[in-house]
């Protein structure tokens, strides 16, 4: 995890100590689409968040932690031991995690989901979070569009106990109107869509390698093997509309 010095945070104006064994994790997003997902790009965005929050008279950047929407890079903002200021009425009982980016315009990547899952697991293991901690989107607790569409659909998968099935993942994609015809998946693609393809392949006996949301060579090989055994599919290792429909049909 990267610390405050890594994003060159200014010193907090004051600090309120936080409780342990907290029952809530609240997910936010920054609401600004990132032009770059580099470490420095994310650090600059965190500094912009802090400047904005200082301008409102707040003590510091309002979140406890931040995670890159594409990179999954995790940053300490206030950390575990300082009360957040991001969720009015719930700050005493929660940890606030912001996804750096705009999750109604940018998909939440699998590395981002896994980073939040690991963060929550660490919080439970160290006693900062209750064993039965619940996860919320900001919009569950306030009248807001935050944390954005793709983050809201991924909330349950951010929990350490998540055991989403291929059926549940494909339903999530249907719920947000995802169209693979508009964005075929290929080497180096990332995200929930890739995770779903990997689950579907695994369920029908084709090994995609680690189910991690990253379209690597093993996933490409598994797609090609599936394409070779399915009538009328081009054997190119790309999951376009025809391969997507065939995979969904094959699982039923």
Protein backbone atom coordinates (compact mmCIF):
# COMPACT_ATOMS: atom_id res chain seq x y z
CA UNK A 1 0.00 0.00 0.00
CA UNK A 2 1.18 3.50 -0.84
CA UNK A 3 1.18 6.09 1.94
CA UNK A 4 0.49 9.79 2.30
CA UNK A 5 4.08 10.68 1.47
CA UNK A 6 3.73 8.84 -1.84
CA UNK A 7 0.93 11.12 -3.02
CA UNK A 8 2.56 14.13 -1.35
CA UNK A 9 -0.36 14.88 0.93
CA UNK A 10 -0.44 18.12 2.86
CA UNK A 11 -0.69 17.83 6.63
CA UNK A 12 -4.20 17.43 8.03
CA UNK A 13 -5.57 20.52 9.76
CA UNK A 14 -6.76 18.38 12.65
CA UNK A 15 -7.30 14.68 13.37
CA UNK A 16 -10.21 12.86 15.02
CA UNK A 17 -9.26 9.39 16.20
CA UNK A 18 -11.39 6.56 14.86
CA UNK A 19 -13.01 3.55 16.49
CA UNK A 20 -12.16 -0.11 15.99
CA UNK A 21 -14.45 -3.01 15.04
CA UNK A 22 -16.40 -0.84 12.61
CA UNK A 23 -19.56 -2.29 11.02
CA UNK A 24 -19.52 -0.49 7.63
CA UNK A 25 -17.35 0.09 4.59
CA UNK A 26 -18.70 2.80 2.29
CA UNK A 27 -17.58 2.94 -1.34
CA UNK A 28 -17.31 6.30 -3.13
CA UNK A 29 -15.89 7.44 -6.44
CA UNK A 30 -14.15 10.65 -7.37
CA UNK A 31 -16.60 11.49 -10.16
CA UNK A 32 -13.87 12.65 -12.57
CA UNK A 33 -12.69 10.43 -15.43
CA UNK A 34 -8.95 9.84 -15.29
CA UNK A 35 -6.82 10.77 -18.30
CA UNK A 36 -3.98 8.56 -17.06
CA UNK A 37 -3.89 5.59 -14.72
CA UNK A 38 -0.23 6.00 -13.86
CA UNK A 39 0.94 6.21 -10.27
CA UNK A 40 1.64 9.93 -10.65
CA UNK A 41 -1.72 10.49 -12.33
CA UNK A 42 -3.52 8.92 -9.37
CA UNK A 43 -1.34 10.82 -6.89
CA UNK A 44 -2.15 14.11 -8.61
CA UNK A 45 -5.85 13.26 -8.45
CA UNK A 46 -5.61 12.60 -4.70
CA UNK A 47 -3.93 15.97 -4.23
CA UNK A 48 -6.80 17.56 -6.17
CA UNK A 49 -9.33 15.81 -3.90
CA UNK A 50 -7.48 17.15 -0.86
CA UNK A 51 -7.41 20.71 -2.21
CA UNK A 52 -11.14 20.53 -2.91
CA UNK A 53 -11.90 19.24 0.58
CA UNK A 54 -9.69 21.86 2.21
CA UNK A 55 -11.63 24.53 0.26
CA UNK A 56 -14.81 23.31 1.98
CA UNK A 57 -13.25 23.84 5.40
CA UNK A 58 -12.70 20.14 6.04
CA UNK A 59 -9.74 18.83 8.01
CA UNK A 60 -8.26 16.69 5.21
CA UNK A 61 -9.12 14.64 2.16
CA UNK A 62 -12.29 12.94 3.36
CA UNK A 63 -11.51 9.25 2.66
CA UNK A 64 -9.62 6.58 4.56
CA UNK A 65 -8.30 4.81 1.47
CA UNK A 66 -8.29 5.21 -2.31
CA UNK A 67 -8.02 2.59 -5.05
CA UNK A 68 -7.28 3.15 -8.75
CA UNK A 69 -10.28 2.30 -10.94
CA UNK A 70 -8.09 0.51 -13.49
CA UNK A 71 -4.77 -0.12 -11.73
CA UNK A 72 -6.08 -1.44 -8.40
CA UNK A 73 -3.29 0.57 -6.78
CA UNK A 74 -4.16 1.17 -3.10
CA UNK A 75 -3.39 4.44 -1.30
CA UNK A 76 -3.68 5.37 2.37
CA UNK A 77 -5.51 8.70 2.69
CA UNK A 78 -6.56 9.06 6.35
CA UNK A 79 -5.80 5.42 7.08
CA UNK A 80 -7.52 3.16 9.59
CA UNK A 81 -7.13 5.27 12.72
CA UNK A 82 -8.61 8.59 11.59
CA UNK A 83 -12.33 9.21 11.26
CA UNK A 84 -13.44 9.89 7.66
CA UNK A 85 -15.57 12.81 6.55
CA UNK A 86 -17.10 11.42 3.37
CA UNK A 87 -20.48 9.99 4.47
CA UNK A 88 -22.54 12.38 6.58
CA UNK A 89 -24.27 10.64 9.45
CA UNK A 90 -22.13 7.50 9.11
CA UNK A 91 -18.55 8.66 9.59
CA UNK A 92 -18.34 7.43 13.19
CA UNK A 93 -19.26 3.89 12.16
CA UNK A 94 -17.55 3.45 8.80
CA UNK A 95 -14.41 3.35 6.73
CA UNK A 96 -14.63 5.36 3.48
CA UNK A 97 -12.96 4.00 0.34
CA UNK A 98 -12.88 6.12 -2.81
CA UNK A 99 -12.33 4.67 -6.27
CA UNK A 100 -10.09 7.10 -8.15
CA UNK A 101 -12.02 7.74 -11.36
CA UNK A 102 -15.58 8.03 -12.64
CA UNK A 103 -17.30 4.67 -12.36
CA UNK A 104 -20.31 5.64 -14.44
CA UNK A 105 -17.93 6.35 -17.33
CA UNK A 106 -15.13 3.90 -16.53
CA UNK A 107 -15.55 0.20 -15.68
CA UNK A 108 -14.26 -0.97 -12.33
CA UNK A 109 -11.42 -3.36 -13.11
CA UNK A 110 -10.85 -6.73 -11.50
CA UNK A 111 -7.60 -5.48 -9.86
CA UNK A 112 -9.65 -2.67 -8.29
CA UNK A 113 -12.30 -5.10 -7.00
CA UNK A 114 -9.62 -7.43 -5.64
CA UNK A 115 -7.71 -4.56 -3.98
CA UNK A 116 -10.84 -3.46 -2.10
CA UNK A 117 -11.56 -7.08 -1.17
CA UNK A 118 -8.00 -7.42 0.21
CA UNK A 119 -8.31 -4.12 2.07
CA UNK A 120 -11.52 -5.25 3.79
CA UNK A 121 -9.96 -8.62 4.64
CA UNK A 122 -6.98 -6.83 6.21
CA UNK A 123 -9.32 -4.58 8.20
CA UNK A 124 -11.15 -7.60 9.59
CA UNK A 125 -7.91 -9.42 10.39
CA UNK A 126 -6.50 -6.44 12.30
CA UNK A 127 -9.70 -5.64 14.19
CA UNK A 128 -10.36 -2.31 12.49
CA UNK A 129 -13.48 -3.79 10.88
CA UNK A 130 -16.07 -6.07 12.45
CA UNK A 131 -16.08 -9.70 11.32
CA UNK A 132 -19.63 -9.21 9.97
CA UNK A 133 -18.84 -5.85 8.32
CA UNK A 134 -21.27 -4.75 5.59
CA UNK A 135 -20.40 -2.91 2.39
CA UNK A 136 -22.44 0.02 1.07
CA UNK A 137 -22.34 2.35 -1.87
CA UNK A 138 -22.58 6.03 -0.90
CA UNK A 139 -25.96 6.11 -2.67
CA UNK A 140 -27.27 3.49 -0.19
CA UNK A 141 -26.86 6.05 2.59
CA UNK A 142 -27.47 9.41 0.90
CA UNK A 143 -29.25 10.98 -2.07
CA UNK A 144 -26.37 10.84 -4.56
CA UNK A 145 -25.25 9.10 -7.75
CA UNK A 146 -21.97 8.17 -6.04
CA UNK A 147 -20.26 5.70 -6.38
CA UNK A 148 -21.32 5.34 -10.02
CA UNK A 149 -22.87 2.51 -12.00
CA UNK A 150 -20.02 0.02 -12.43
CA UNK A 151 -18.97 0.34 -8.78
CA UNK A 152 -22.50 -0.26 -7.53
CA UNK A 153 -22.84 -3.45 -9.59
CA UNK A 154 -19.52 -4.74 -8.19
CA UNK A 155 -20.18 -4.06 -4.48
CA UNK A 156 -20.92 -7.62 -3.40
CA UNK A 157 -17.84 -8.86 -5.24
CA UNK A 158 -15.67 -6.53 -3.14
CA UNK A 159 -16.39 -8.56 -0.02
CA UNK A 160 -13.82 -11.20 1.03
CA UNK A 161 -16.55 -13.85 1.26
CA UNK A 162 -17.83 -13.25 -2.30
CA UNK A 163 -18.48 -16.44 -4.28
CA UNK A 164 -20.15 -15.03 -7.39
CA UNK A 165 -21.13 -17.61 -10.00
CA UNK A 166 -21.02 -17.28 -13.78
CA UNK A 167 -24.82 -16.89 -13.78
CA UNK A 168 -24.65 -14.05 -11.26
CA UNK A 169 -21.87 -12.29 -13.16
CA UNK A 170 -23.66 -12.49 -16.50
CA UNK A 171 -26.80 -11.14 -14.82
CA UNK A 172 -24.78 -8.19 -13.51
CA UNK A 173 -23.63 -7.43 -17.04
CA UNK A 174 -27.21 -7.70 -18.30
CA UNK A 175 -28.39 -5.36 -15.54
CA UNK A 176 -26.02 -2.60 -16.65
CA UNK A 177 -26.80 -3.11 -20.34
CA UNK A 178 -23.33 -4.36 -21.23
CA UNK A 179 -22.86 -5.13 -24.94
CA UNK A 180 -19.81 -7.17 -25.88
CA UNK A 181 -20.55 -6.38 -29.54
CA UNK A 182 -19.45 -2.80 -28.85
CA UNK A 183 -16.23 -3.79 -27.10
CA UNK A 184 -14.86 -7.27 -27.93
CA UNK A 185 -12.47 -8.77 -25.39
CA UNK A 186 -8.92 -9.65 -26.38
CA UNK A 187 -5.38 -9.87 -24.98
CA UNK A 188 -4.81 -7.29 -22.24
CA UNK A 189 -8.53 -6.55 -21.75
CA UNK A 190 -9.44 -6.26 -18.06
CA UNK A 191 -12.51 -6.12 -15.88
CA UNK A 192 -15.72 -7.82 -14.83
CA UNK A 193 -16.45 -8.87 -18.41
CA UNK A 194 -13.16 -10.80 -18.58
CA UNK A 195 -13.86 -12.43 -15.21
CA UNK A 196 -17.23 -13.57 -16.55
CA UNK A 197 -15.67 -15.10 -19.67
CA UNK A 198 -13.11 -16.88 -17.49
CA UNK A 199 -15.86 -18.32 -15.28
CA UNK A 200 -17.86 -19.44 -18.32
CA UNK A 201 -14.84 -21.15 -19.86
CA UNK A 202 -13.99 -22.88 -16.59
CA UNK A 203 -17.56 -24.10 -16.17
CA UNK A 204 -17.46 -25.92 -19.53
CA UNK A 205 -14.03 -27.48 -18.97
CA UNK A 206 -11.70 -25.03 -20.72
CA UNK A 207 -8.89 -23.78 -18.48
CA UNK A 208 -8.52 -19.95 -18.67
CA UNK A 209 -5.78 -19.90 -16.04
CA UNK A 210 -6.29 -17.81 -12.94
CA UNK A 211 -9.72 -16.17 -12.80
CA UNK A 212 -8.42 -12.66 -12.26
CA UNK A 213 -10.18 -10.44 -14.79
CA UNK A 214 -7.06 -10.15 -16.97
CA UNK A 215 -7.28 -11.48 -20.55
CA UNK A 216 -3.88 -13.14 -20.76
CA UNK A 217 -2.44 -15.84 -22.98
CA UNK A 218 -4.11 -18.68 -21.04
CA UNK A 219 -7.54 -17.10 -21.48
CA UNK A 220 -6.79 -16.48 -25.16
CA UNK A 221 -5.79 -20.13 -25.58
CA UNK A 222 -8.95 -21.34 -23.81
CA UNK A 223 -11.14 -19.16 -26.04
CA UNK A 224 -9.44 -20.55 -29.15
CA UNK A 225 -10.01 -24.11 -27.94
CA UNK A 226 -13.68 -23.33 -27.38
CA UNK A 227 -13.95 -21.70 -30.80
CA UNK A 228 -12.45 -24.76 -32.49
CA UNK A 229 -15.14 -26.99 -30.98
CA UNK A 230 -18.04 -24.66 -31.83
CA UNK A 231 -19.59 -24.42 -35.29
CA UNK A 232 -19.25 -21.15 -37.23
CA UNK A 233 -16.85 -19.37 -34.87
CA UNK A 234 -13.64 -17.77 -36.10
CA UNK A 235 -10.66 -19.17 -34.21
CA UNK A 236 -8.99 -15.91 -33.20
CA UNK A 237 -8.99 -15.99 -29.39
CA UNK A 238 -11.17 -12.86 -29.28
CA UNK A 239 -14.47 -12.86 -27.41
CA UNK A 240 -16.76 -10.93 -29.71
CA UNK A 241 -20.54 -11.07 -29.95
CA UNK A 242 -20.73 -14.54 -31.57
CA UNK A 243 -18.29 -16.18 -29.16
CA UNK A 244 -20.01 -14.44 -26.20
CA UNK A 245 -23.41 -15.80 -27.20
CA UNK A 246 -21.97 -19.30 -27.73
CA UNK A 247 -20.30 -19.27 -24.30
CA UNK A 248 -23.52 -18.20 -22.60
CA UNK A 249 -25.47 -20.87 -24.43
CA UNK A 250 -22.86 -23.56 -23.63
CA UNK A 251 -23.24 -23.01 -19.87
CA UNK A 252 -26.98 -23.73 -19.86
